[in-house]
Amino acid sequence: MKTIGAFEQRIIEDEAAAAGTPAGVLMERAGRALAERIIALQAERGGPVSILCGAGNNGGDGYAAALCLHEKNAALQVFEAESAAEGCGTDAQAMRAACLELGIQPMLFRDYTPEPGIILDAVFGSGFRADRPVSEEFKQLVSKVLEARARKQAFVLSADVPSGVQADNGAVNAEAVIQADETLCFILPKTGAYSYPGRKFAGRVAVNDLGLSEEFIHEVWEKHFFSSPSVITENEVRAWRPARPIDGHKGSFGRLAVLAGSVGLAGAAVLSARAAEMGGVGYVDLLVSGQIYPAVLAAVPSVLSCPLPQAEFAKLSLWREKLRNCSAALVGPGLGKNFDPALLWAAIAEAPRLLLDADALNLLATPENLEPGRAALINRVNRGLEPAVLTPHPGEFGRLYPQYTQIVTQDRLASAEALAQMTGSVVVLKGAGTVTAFPLEDCPCELWINSSGNAGMAKAGSGDVLSGLLASFLAQGLPLHEAVLSAVYLHGLSADLRADKLTERALTPEDILAGLPAAFRQTGWDK
């Protein structure tokens, strides 16, 4: 599912005007869509309507909604910013003037008092910048809206994007942001309504196309070479489901070489190996420390597990043999801090397809390996091998790219893109709304935001399940994009399905494993 930010929105609106649908008409349509949703909410919840209008076009949408609600004799009050009388857009001013002609007299934000009912947030729109200071007037308004939600059970509907959230990337203003229960995006979903931290302020996200056809939007998209992020949904994953031939055998479905586990972290090897098996790979060739080999063998007897030799040369020789015979390799889950770097360099140089996770990333992030590691990953691509897949959580990301340690909490899209470009690798930046960045030649990365998953996954071991599942898809030969994005979505979907039964709080990584069959079935990946 495509998303857009401020730039794309402006271009689409300009093209619509050139094609005969001026901005004022789009504003009227936005107002009517908001009014229709408010009327439906009133039927469910009751209570009066408070419309909060800023000085720009988003405020114009609010005035337009007030006009439509007035036609329906809905009980409403309009509140506006002190600067709204002057305004900054002729269409918004026209909507405000129409309200005045009908006797709808706006009051100032400072006059708003928290009460039950429906609150329409039309203060800032897609042009808002999170890094710019907001007025004391807005801060006080946000405080009152939060009180209305918390103490009066008011329902907040945001127009296009919650005020205080940047539409391009989900960055939020550090001082004030409106928490919505629902956001009605216009034309297409806003990136900031799906990308964290903005996602948590958006509530339920709906879209109204304002009467612009899919064909028209596609033409504009192609004409202007838009490259804004997309969202992984069930529709995409269902379309990517691979065929599993009825006459297939274990040799048909690939061989995955896994280097994982250490004393105290044997569970990581077990979880990743089990996830790989459940993902459908034919063989899982698991190399582990001799000290944990008996425990791993007992936990997953169906995988081809093998203890690593004691001698360094023998370890490397055996690992290279596995790399020559595999269709993909996974390195990192639970390896600990003391494994031989030569094993990592061999995987980067020789594995036909490669996923690096957990301690493999931590090893790359050490001062002595940071620059050589980046060079090795880029050289891998220059030699014609497929880009490696890196799956850092924010902490691992900060070690791999120290310059972005602070940025990653506010702009996950830019962070994932920066690491992908620097390493020539696919980056799966884990966490709420996992972001995947695919490096492209001579242009920005292709970015995807995951729509599945929940806070119950925030437990040690969840990432090991993802790495095993993703590596399994790589080993089976799925196209790179489809393997990575499907694994990310199915991993989150499995957690969602299990959380529905068990609660998010009680969810464990083992539960995510147990939920994979239901996730496959729901998306058509069961055969």
Foldseek 3Di string as FASTA:
>chain_A
DDADFDVLVVLLQVVVVVVPQHPLLLLLLLLVVVLVVQVVVCVVPNDAEEEEAAQESLSLSSLSVVVVVVVVVGHYAYEYAPCNCVGDDPSSNVSVVVCVVVVRDYHYLVPDAAAAGEYEASHDARVDDQPDDDDPSQLVSQVRLVCNCPPHVHAYEYEQAWPQAHQQFLFGHPRGTHAHQAYEHELGHGNNCQHPPRVRRHRHYHYDNSPDDPVSSVVSCVVVVDQGAAADDLVVLLVQQDDDDPPDALVLQWEEEEEAADVVQNVLQLLLQLLLVVLPHSAYEYEYAPVCQVVSCVSCVPHNYDYADPDPVSNQVVLLVSQVPGLEYEYARHPDADDDCSSLLSRLQGHLEYEYEHNSLVVCLPPVNQVVQLVSQVVSVVVPGDHYEYEDELVSLCSNPVVCNPVCNRGVQVSQQVVCVSRVHWYFHDDRQTKIWHDDPPDTTRIYTYDAADPLCPDPNLVSSLSSSLRSLSRRPRPNVSSNSSSVHLLRVLLVVLCVVVNSVPDDSVSSSVSNCVSCVVSVNND
